[in-house]
């Protein structure tokens, strides 16, 4: 495929935007080459500036569970825009979406909207500290909770891809208040609480990790989190920005039957528009200003366009058969990819929950970030470009989950698997180092 216009667009962007992108993983540093610049998208298909079409498994990194440019979402946004794009004053749409979120997410009794997942996690952590009067937070190596200072201590995703897991600009004080434990390391978690328990305000976790690739919890891990937080009076925060409404209507907490004290949300609740939210127990949420002393604010919080898109998306997910269909597609995708990798003697590990999928090019189980780092990232980069050349857009990093939508069909998945077989044949036939 020719991508001359994407190449020119990237050169132009680099002159005015750091690295040519507004979020690091988009730069293709992990896989090499230059990023695809998108012109339009519909359903499960992207179209780039050179009019190449791709089956999309990134889906704007998760929000587009109904697909690109879904008619219900577009109509809702258009109707809202005609009434005004922002007011800086309350609207009934905020209460409509809040009531819908509370009805779907088991642990949320009250919720507040903001404008990004990063805002949501930063605000939830401040609220947990304000509620408990404690300073320390426990996070897990490889989990990513946005670019707040406390979360870029052994971070994953873009920071991991760029080889800078501890970003410059973070103070020693922030680092001292952040305790990092390996994901799935229940013994390490118990040791952290034994040493610092009375000072721990919160534990924040991606209950299914999507930002070092898709890594799932071992059976005892989430129950241990709940037990320890309850026993020591710490606030358990589930970061369901990625998993919320995607792996089940009520997220991981519904699927696993483990209720956190606070939940952070984003992505799907904005239907593709910038949005975030955090919510949970009423007594904790009551500490927020103006009801309580913990301050949090945002000029565009509860933006009417985002509320409209979120309402249309969540209502669309309530149609009969949506989640079984997504589950079936996700299972077909990873089982089929496993068959292809096995056919070409490629060591691999796959995982999926609902429409959230992932694979690592390594042998043995992947339960934490150290396991994930054993992946053959060079092979992934070659495979990524071979798939791109065949019209399949995977995540431009080994360390990211993939996503399907209601717009994907069995035919799309089967076509993708055919292309994966062709791509690996081409990869192993080509000289090493070529894309």
Protein backbone atom coordinates (compact mmCIF):
# COMPACT_ATOMS: atom_id res chain seq x y z
CA UNK A 1 0.00 0.00 0.00
CA UNK A 2 1.19 3.51 -0.76
CA UNK A 3 0.98 5.96 2.13
CA UNK A 4 2.58 9.03 0.56
CA UNK A 5 0.01 11.43 1.96
CA UNK A 6 0.32 9.97 5.47
CA UNK A 7 4.10 10.36 5.25
CA UNK A 8 3.76 13.98 4.17
CA UNK A 9 1.21 14.66 6.90
CA UNK A 10 3.56 13.22 9.52
CA UNK A 11 6.45 15.40 8.36
CA UNK A 12 4.19 18.42 8.57
CA UNK A 13 2.97 17.44 12.06
CA UNK A 14 6.52 17.00 13.38
CA UNK A 15 7.25 20.64 12.60
CA UNK A 16 4.52 21.89 14.94
CA UNK A 17 3.68 19.04 17.38
CA UNK A 18 6.27 17.30 19.64
CA UNK A 19 7.04 14.00 17.93
CA UNK A 20 4.31 14.74 15.42
CA UNK A 21 1.59 13.26 17.64
CA UNK A 22 -0.59 14.27 20.56
CA UNK A 23 -0.25 10.93 22.36
CA UNK A 24 3.06 9.01 22.21
CA UNK A 25 1.93 5.54 21.15
CA UNK A 26 0.50 6.98 17.92
CA UNK A 27 4.03 7.72 16.65
CA UNK A 28 4.70 4.03 15.78
CA UNK A 29 8.02 4.12 17.68
CA UNK A 30 7.39 0.63 19.01
CA UNK A 31 6.78 -0.92 15.60
CA UNK A 32 8.87 1.35 13.39
CA UNK A 33 7.84 3.31 10.35
CA UNK A 34 5.46 6.26 10.18
CA UNK A 35 1.90 6.45 11.47
CA UNK A 36 -1.20 6.16 9.34
CA UNK A 37 -3.13 9.43 9.19
CA UNK A 38 -6.87 8.83 9.19
CA UNK A 39 -9.25 10.62 6.86
CA UNK A 40 -12.51 8.94 7.87
CA UNK A 41 -13.99 5.86 9.46
CA UNK A 42 -17.28 3.96 9.47
CA UNK A 43 -18.33 0.78 11.23
CA UNK A 44 -15.19 -1.28 11.80
CA UNK A 45 -13.24 0.33 8.93
CA UNK A 46 -10.64 3.11 8.87
CA UNK A 47 -9.70 5.00 5.70
CA UNK A 48 -6.37 6.83 5.53
CA UNK A 49 -5.33 9.92 3.55
CA UNK A 50 -4.30 7.72 0.63
CA UNK A 51 -7.72 6.02 0.59
CA UNK A 52 -6.39 2.73 1.94
CA UNK A 53 -9.03 0.89 4.03
CA UNK A 54 -8.29 -1.13 7.18
CA UNK A 55 -10.26 -3.40 9.51
CA UNK A 56 -9.77 -1.57 12.80
CA UNK A 57 -8.92 -3.39 16.04
CA UNK A 58 -7.90 -0.26 17.94
CA UNK A 59 -11.30 1.46 17.83
CA UNK A 60 -9.91 4.73 19.20
CA UNK A 61 -8.28 2.65 21.99
CA UNK A 62 -11.60 1.30 23.22
CA UNK A 63 -14.41 3.87 23.23
CA UNK A 64 -16.08 2.84 19.97
CA UNK A 65 -17.84 -0.32 21.09
CA UNK A 66 -20.67 0.43 18.61
CA UNK A 67 -18.20 1.13 15.82
CA UNK A 68 -17.11 4.31 14.07
CA UNK A 69 -19.71 6.95 13.22
CA UNK A 70 -22.64 4.93 14.55
CA UNK A 71 -25.86 6.57 13.31
CA UNK A 72 -27.41 6.77 16.80
CA UNK A 73 -24.33 8.48 18.23
CA UNK A 74 -23.96 10.87 15.31
CA UNK A 75 -27.63 11.85 15.54
CA UNK A 76 -27.39 12.41 19.30
CA UNK A 77 -24.29 14.61 18.96
CA UNK A 78 -25.82 16.58 16.09
CA UNK A 79 -29.00 17.22 18.06
CA UNK A 80 -27.03 18.29 21.12
CA UNK A 81 -24.74 20.59 19.11
CA UNK A 82 -27.72 22.39 17.63
CA UNK A 83 -28.76 23.31 21.18
CA UNK A 84 -25.26 24.54 22.11
CA UNK A 85 -21.84 22.96 22.55
CA UNK A 86 -21.05 24.07 26.11
CA UNK A 87 -22.78 26.05 28.83
CA UNK A 88 -20.69 25.91 31.99
CA UNK A 89 -23.99 25.24 33.75
CA UNK A 90 -25.90 22.05 34.63
CA UNK A 91 -28.00 20.16 32.10
CA UNK A 92 -30.45 17.31 32.53
CA UNK A 93 -28.30 15.17 30.24
CA UNK A 94 -25.73 14.94 33.05
CA UNK A 95 -28.30 13.45 35.39
CA UNK A 96 -29.60 11.16 32.64
CA UNK A 97 -26.15 9.70 32.05
CA UNK A 98 -25.36 9.56 35.79
CA UNK A 99 -28.55 7.58 36.46
CA UNK A 100 -27.73 5.19 33.61
CA UNK A 101 -24.16 4.65 34.83
CA UNK A 102 -25.36 4.02 38.39
CA UNK A 103 -27.93 1.52 37.14
CA UNK A 104 -25.27 -0.44 35.25
CA UNK A 105 -22.14 -0.36 37.46
CA UNK A 106 -22.72 -2.35 40.68
CA UNK A 107 -20.53 -0.34 43.07
CA UNK A 108 -21.41 3.20 41.99
CA UNK A 109 -23.93 5.07 44.12
CA UNK A 110 -22.95 8.57 43.02
CA UNK A 111 -20.81 9.72 40.10
CA UNK A 112 -19.06 12.86 38.88
CA UNK A 113 -18.09 13.56 35.28
CA UNK A 114 -14.86 15.12 34.06
CA UNK A 115 -13.13 15.34 30.69
CA UNK A 116 -10.62 12.47 30.56
CA UNK A 117 -9.61 9.20 32.16
CA UNK A 118 -6.51 10.91 33.57
CA UNK A 119 -8.69 13.50 35.30
CA UNK A 120 -10.85 10.72 36.68
CA UNK A 121 -7.97 8.76 38.21
CA UNK A 122 -6.23 11.87 39.58
CA UNK A 123 -9.49 13.01 41.17
CA UNK A 124 -10.30 9.58 42.59
CA UNK A 125 -6.87 9.40 44.21
CA UNK A 126 -7.22 12.88 45.73
CA UNK A 127 -10.66 11.93 47.01
CA UNK A 128 -9.33 8.73 48.58
CA UNK A 129 -6.58 10.68 50.33
CA UNK A 130 -9.04 13.28 51.52
CA UNK A 131 -11.44 10.62 52.76
CA UNK A 132 -8.82 8.57 54.65
CA UNK A 133 -6.45 11.35 55.73
CA UNK A 134 -3.54 9.21 54.48
CA UNK A 135 -0.88 9.84 51.84
CA UNK A 136 0.39 6.63 50.28
CA UNK A 137 -1.04 4.85 47.26
CA UNK A 138 -0.36 1.34 45.99
CA UNK A 139 -0.23 0.80 42.22
CA UNK A 140 0.95 -2.09 40.09
CA UNK A 141 3.91 -2.16 37.74
CA UNK A 142 2.73 -2.00 34.15
CA UNK A 143 -0.73 -0.65 34.94
CA UNK A 144 -1.42 2.74 33.40
CA UNK A 145 -3.83 5.23 34.94
CA UNK A 146 -3.17 8.29 32.82
CA UNK A 147 -0.30 10.72 33.03
CA UNK A 148 -0.76 12.01 36.58
CA UNK A 149 2.53 12.13 38.50
CA UNK A 150 1.60 9.39 40.98
CA UNK A 151 0.77 7.02 38.14
CA UNK A 152 4.01 7.34 36.16
CA UNK A 153 6.02 5.35 38.65
CA UNK A 154 6.75 2.12 36.75
CA UNK A 155 4.03 2.94 34.25
CA UNK A 156 3.00 0.89 31.26
CA UNK A 157 1.59 1.55 27.78
CA UNK A 158 3.15 4.57 26.08
CA UNK A 159 5.76 5.05 28.78
CA UNK A 160 6.74 1.39 28.58
CA UNK A 161 6.86 1.49 24.79
CA UNK A 162 9.17 4.51 24.84
CA UNK A 163 11.50 2.96 27.39
CA UNK A 164 10.88 5.72 29.96
CA UNK A 165 8.77 4.05 32.65
CA UNK A 166 9.65 6.79 35.20
CA UNK A 167 9.12 10.15 33.50
CA UNK A 168 11.36 13.14 34.28
CA UNK A 169 9.46 15.89 36.06
CA UNK A 170 8.11 13.68 38.85
CA UNK A 171 9.33 14.72 42.28
CA UNK A 172 10.94 12.48 44.88
CA UNK A 173 8.04 13.23 47.20
CA UNK A 174 5.52 11.78 44.77
CA UNK A 175 7.69 8.72 44.30
CA UNK A 176 7.98 8.23 48.07
CA UNK A 177 4.21 8.19 48.43
CA UNK A 178 3.75 5.63 45.64
CA UNK A 179 4.25 1.95 46.46
CA UNK A 180 4.69 -0.24 43.39
CA UNK A 181 3.90 -3.96 43.48
CA UNK A 182 3.84 -6.47 40.62
CA UNK A 183 0.39 -7.16 39.22
CA UNK A 184 -0.88 -10.55 40.43
CA UNK A 185 1.70 -10.58 43.27
CA UNK A 186 -0.60 -11.23 46.21
CA UNK A 187 2.30 -11.98 48.56
CA UNK A 188 3.99 -8.69 47.63
CA UNK A 189 0.73 -6.84 48.20
CA UNK A 190 0.33 -8.37 51.66
CA UNK A 191 3.90 -7.39 52.49
CA UNK A 192 3.26 -3.80 51.40
CA UNK A 193 0.22 -3.59 53.67
CA UNK A 194 2.09 -5.21 56.54
CA UNK A 195 4.76 -2.51 56.28
CA UNK A 196 2.70 0.56 55.33
CA UNK A 197 -0.92 -0.38 55.98
CA UNK A 198 -1.81 2.46 58.31
CA UNK A 199 -0.46 5.01 55.79
CA UNK A 200 -2.08 3.59 52.64
CA UNK A 201 -4.95 5.74 51.40
CA UNK A 202 -5.78 3.69 48.32
CA UNK A 203 -4.93 0.85 46.01
CA UNK A 204 -5.57 1.57 42.33
CA UNK A 205 -5.61 -1.21 39.77
CA UNK A 206 -6.69 -2.03 36.25
CA UNK A 207 -8.68 -5.14 37.25
CA UNK A 208 -8.00 -6.50 33.76
CA UNK A 209 -4.81 -4.84 32.58
CA UNK A 210 -4.99 -3.40 29.07
CA UNK A 211 -1.94 -1.19 29.06
CA UNK A 212 0.83 -3.79 28.98
CA UNK A 213 -1.21 -5.90 26.62
CA UNK A 214 -4.23 -7.77 28.00
CA UNK A 215 -3.22 -9.44 31.28
CA UNK A 216 -5.87 -11.10 33.43
CA UNK A 217 -5.91 -11.53 37.21
CA UNK A 218 -5.04 -14.81 38.88
CA UNK A 219 -7.98 -16.25 40.87
CA UNK A 220 -6.84 -15.01 44.29
CA UNK A 221 -5.64 -11.55 43.26
CA UNK A 222 -8.77 -9.37 43.17
CA UNK A 223 -10.28 -11.01 46.28
CA UNK A 224 -7.03 -10.30 48.14
CA UNK A 225 -7.18 -6.64 47.09
CA UNK A 226 -10.70 -6.35 48.46
CA UNK A 227 -9.80 -8.15 51.70
CA UNK A 228 -6.71 -6.06 52.41
CA UNK A 229 -8.33 -2.71 51.63
CA UNK A 230 -11.28 -3.55 53.85
CA UNK A 231 -9.05 -4.80 56.65
CA UNK A 232 -6.76 -1.74 56.65
CA UNK A 233 -9.38 0.89 55.85
CA UNK A 234 -7.89 1.78 52.46
CA UNK A 235 -9.96 2.77 49.44
CA UNK A 236 -9.97 0.23 46.61
CA UNK A 237 -10.10 1.96 43.22
CA UNK A 238 -10.86 -0.02 40.07
CA UNK A 239 -9.65 1.81 36.98
CA UNK A 240 -12.31 0.67 34.52
CA UNK A 241 -11.66 3.43 32.01
CA UNK A 242 -10.89 0.69 29.50
CA UNK A 243 -12.93 -2.25 30.81
CA UNK A 244 -16.05 -0.37 31.89
CA UNK A 245 -19.09 -1.46 29.81
CA UNK A 246 -16.76 -3.41 27.53
CA UNK A 247 -16.20 -6.76 29.26
CA UNK A 248 -19.72 -6.74 30.73
CA UNK A 249 -22.46 -4.12 31.19
CA UNK A 250 -21.10 -3.42 34.67
CA UNK A 251 -17.44 -3.92 33.84
CA UNK A 252 -14.97 -6.23 35.55
CA UNK A 253 -16.63 -5.75 38.92
CA UNK A 254 -19.83 -7.30 37.59
CA UNK A 255 -17.98 -10.07 35.80
CA UNK A 256 -15.77 -10.99 38.78
CA UNK A 257 -18.17 -10.17 41.60
CA UNK A 258 -15.63 -7.94 43.40
CA UNK A 259 -16.86 -4.45 44.32
CA UNK A 260 -14.39 -1.57 44.67
CA UNK A 261 -15.02 1.55 46.74
CA UNK A 262 -14.38 3.90 43.81
CA UNK A 263 -14.43 3.29 40.06
CA UNK A 264 -12.93 5.42 37.32
CA UNK A 265 -14.55 5.43 33.90
CA UNK A 266 -14.03 6.99 30.48
CA UNK A 267 -13.88 5.97 26.82
CA UNK A 268 -17.23 4.23 26.23
CA UNK A 269 -19.23 6.67 28.39
CA UNK A 270 -18.28 9.42 25.93
CA UNK A 271 -19.04 7.43 22.79
CA UNK A 272 -15.79 8.66 21.22
CA UNK A 273 -15.83 12.18 22.67
CA UNK A 274 -13.46 13.30 25.47
CA UNK A 275 -14.94 12.24 28.81
CA UNK A 276 -14.12 10.75 32.18
CA UNK A 277 -15.98 9.92 35.37
CA UNK A 278 -15.37 8.64 38.86
CA UNK A 279 -17.91 7.31 41.28
CA UNK A 280 -18.55 4.92 44.11
CA UNK A 281 -19.78 4.76 47.67
CA UNK A 282 -22.04 7.65 48.60
CA UNK A 283 -20.15 8.40 51.84
CA UNK A 284 -16.86 8.78 49.95
CA UNK A 285 -18.36 10.82 47.12
CA UNK A 286 -19.99 13.12 49.68
CA UNK A 287 -16.50 14.41 50.53
CA UNK A 288 -16.31 16.14 47.13
CA UNK A 289 -16.75 19.91 46.85
CA UNK A 290 -19.17 21.66 47.05
CA UNK A 291 -20.72 19.07 49.38
CA UNK A 292 -17.42 18.33 51.10
CA UNK A 293 -13.88 19.69 51.41
CA UNK A 294 -12.08 17.78 48.60
CA UNK A 295 -11.84 20.11 45.62
CA UNK A 296 -12.33 19.01 42.01
CA UNK A 297 -13.63 21.03 39.08
CA UNK A 298 -13.60 21.32 35.29
CA UNK A 299 -14.96 23.90 32.87
CA UNK A 300 -16.04 21.27 30.34
CA UNK A 301 -17.07 18.58 32.83
CA UNK A 302 -20.41 17.11 31.79
CA UNK A 303 -20.07 18.61 28.31
CA UNK A 304 -23.45 18.25 26.55
CA UNK A 305 -21.96 16.68 23.40
CA UNK A 306 -20.10 14.04 25.41
CA UNK A 307 -23.17 13.35 27.54
CA UNK A 308 -25.30 12.87 24.42
CA UNK A 309 -22.77 10.53 22.80
CA UNK A 310 -22.41 8.55 26.03
CA UNK A 311 -26.15 8.17 26.49
CA UNK A 312 -26.58 6.98 22.90
CA UNK A 313 -23.75 4.47 23.30
CA UNK A 314 -24.89 2.99 26.61
CA UNK A 315 -28.47 2.75 25.40
CA UNK A 316 -27.23 1.03 22.25
CA UNK A 317 -25.46 -1.56 24.40
CA UNK A 318 -28.75 -2.51 26.03
CA UNK A 319 -30.08 -4.06 22.83
CA UNK A 320 -30.67 -7.83 23.14
CA UNK A 321 -27.73 -10.06 22.30
CA UNK A 322 -25.04 -7.37 22.21
CA UNK A 323 -22.72 -8.84 24.83
CA UNK A 324 -23.00 -12.49 23.73
CA UNK A 325 -22.17 -11.36 20.19
CA UNK A 326 -19.11 -9.41 21.38
CA UNK A 327 -17.98 -12.34 23.53
CA UNK A 328 -18.26 -14.72 20.59
CA UNK A 329 -16.27 -12.39 18.32
CA UNK A 330 -13.52 -11.92 20.91
CA UNK A 331 -13.20 -15.65 21.50
CA UNK A 332 -13.09 -16.32 17.75
CA UNK A 333 -10.40 -13.68 17.25
CA UNK A 334 -7.97 -15.00 19.87
CA UNK A 335 -8.58 -18.68 19.16
CA UNK A 336 -8.05 -18.04 15.47
CA UNK A 337 -4.90 -16.02 16.05
CA UNK A 338 -3.58 -18.81 18.26
CA UNK A 339 -4.17 -21.30 15.45
CA UNK A 340 -2.28 -19.05 13.01
CA UNK A 341 0.67 -18.53 15.36
CA UNK A 342 0.84 -22.27 16.07
CA UNK A 343 0.81 -23.04 12.35
CA UNK A 344 3.88 -20.81 11.92
CA UNK A 345 5.60 -22.08 15.10
CA UNK A 346 5.41 -18.67 16.79
CA UNK A 347 5.48 -18.80 20.61
CA UNK A 348 2.47 -16.92 21.90
CA UNK A 349 -0.01 -16.31 24.70
CA UNK A 350 -3.55 -15.07 24.05
CA UNK A 351 -6.28 -13.65 26.27
CA UNK A 352 -9.74 -12.17 25.92
CA UNK A 353 -12.67 -11.02 27.96
CA UNK A 354 -15.68 -10.00 25.93
CA UNK A 355 -14.61 -7.76 23.08
CA UNK A 356 -11.24 -6.99 24.67
CA UNK A 357 -8.48 -9.14 23.17
CA UNK A 358 -4.72 -9.52 23.30
CA UNK A 359 -1.75 -11.66 22.42
CA UNK A 360 1.92 -11.74 23.36
CA UNK A 361 4.64 -13.18 21.17
CA UNK A 362 6.30 -15.14 23.93
CA UNK A 363 5.96 -18.56 25.49
CA UNK A 364 4.72 -19.34 28.98
CA UNK A 365 2.06 -17.47 30.95
CA UNK A 366 2.00 -13.67 31.12
CA UNK A 367 0.86 -12.53 34.55
CA UNK A 368 2.82 -9.29 35.05
CA UNK A 369 4.90 -6.68 33.24
CA UNK A 370 8.13 -8.68 33.48
CA UNK A 371 6.47 -11.56 31.67
CA UNK A 372 5.08 -9.16 29.07
CA UNK A 373 8.53 -7.70 28.40
CA UNK A 374 9.76 -11.12 27.26
CA UNK A 375 7.67 -10.67 24.11
CA UNK A 376 9.42 -10.59 20.75
CA UNK A 377 8.71 -6.93 19.98
CA UNK A 378 10.80 -7.02 16.80
CA UNK A 379 8.65 -9.82 15.40
CA UNK A 380 5.52 -7.98 16.51
CA UNK A 381 6.66 -4.90 14.58
CA UNK A 382 7.21 -6.92 11.41
CA UNK A 383 3.87 -8.66 11.83
CA UNK A 384 2.13 -5.34 12.49
CA UNK A 385 3.39 -3.85 9.22
CA UNK A 386 2.60 -6.99 7.26
CA UNK A 387 -0.97 -6.83 8.58
CA UNK A 388 -1.18 -3.10 7.83
CA UNK A 389 -0.15 -3.81 4.23
CA UNK A 390 -3.04 -6.26 4.03
CA UNK A 391 -5.64 -3.87 5.38
CA UNK A 392 -5.69 -4.77 9.08
CA UNK A 393 -4.99 -2.10 11.72
CA UNK A 394 -3.70 -3.60 14.97
CA UNK A 395 -2.38 -1.64 17.94
CA UNK A 396 1.01 -0.09 17.04
CA UNK A 397 2.57 -1.63 20.15
CA UNK A 398 2.91 -5.14 21.56
CA UNK A 399 1.93 -3.68 24.92
CA UNK A 400 -1.68 -2.76 24.14
CA UNK A 401 -4.99 -4.60 24.17
CA UNK A 402 -7.16 -4.79 21.07
CA UNK A 403 -10.87 -4.10 20.76
CA UNK A 404 -13.80 -5.31 18.71
CA UNK A 405 -17.16 -3.64 18.25
CA UNK A 406 -20.73 -4.47 17.34
CA UNK A 407 -19.82 -3.29 13.84
CA UNK A 408 -17.35 -6.17 13.42
CA UNK A 409 -18.82 -9.28 11.82
CA UNK A 410 -17.69 -12.88 11.81
CA UNK A 411 -16.66 -12.25 8.20
CA UNK A 412 -14.32 -9.45 9.30
CA UNK A 413 -12.66 -11.64 11.90
CA UNK A 414 -12.27 -14.55 9.49
CA UNK A 415 -10.79 -12.22 6.88
CA UNK A 416 -8.37 -10.92 9.51
CA UNK A 417 -7.24 -14.44 10.31
CA UNK A 418 -6.61 -15.15 6.63
CA UNK A 419 -4.52 -11.98 6.45
CA UNK A 420 -2.60 -13.02 9.60
CA UNK A 421 -1.66 -16.29 7.94
CA UNK A 422 -0.48 -14.46 4.81
CA UNK A 423 1.33 -11.84 6.90
CA UNK A 424 3.38 -14.37 8.84
CA UNK A 425 4.26 -16.22 5.66
CA UNK A 426 5.57 -12.93 4.25
CA UNK A 427 7.37 -12.00 7.47
CA UNK A 428 9.35 -15.22 7.60
CA UNK A 429 10.13 -15.07 3.88
CA UNK A 430 11.46 -11.49 4.08
CA UNK A 431 15.01 -10.58 5.19
CA UNK A 432 15.11 -9.73 8.89
CA UNK A 433 14.96 -6.02 9.51
CA UNK A 434 12.53 -5.29 6.67
CA UNK A 435 8.92 -4.32 7.31
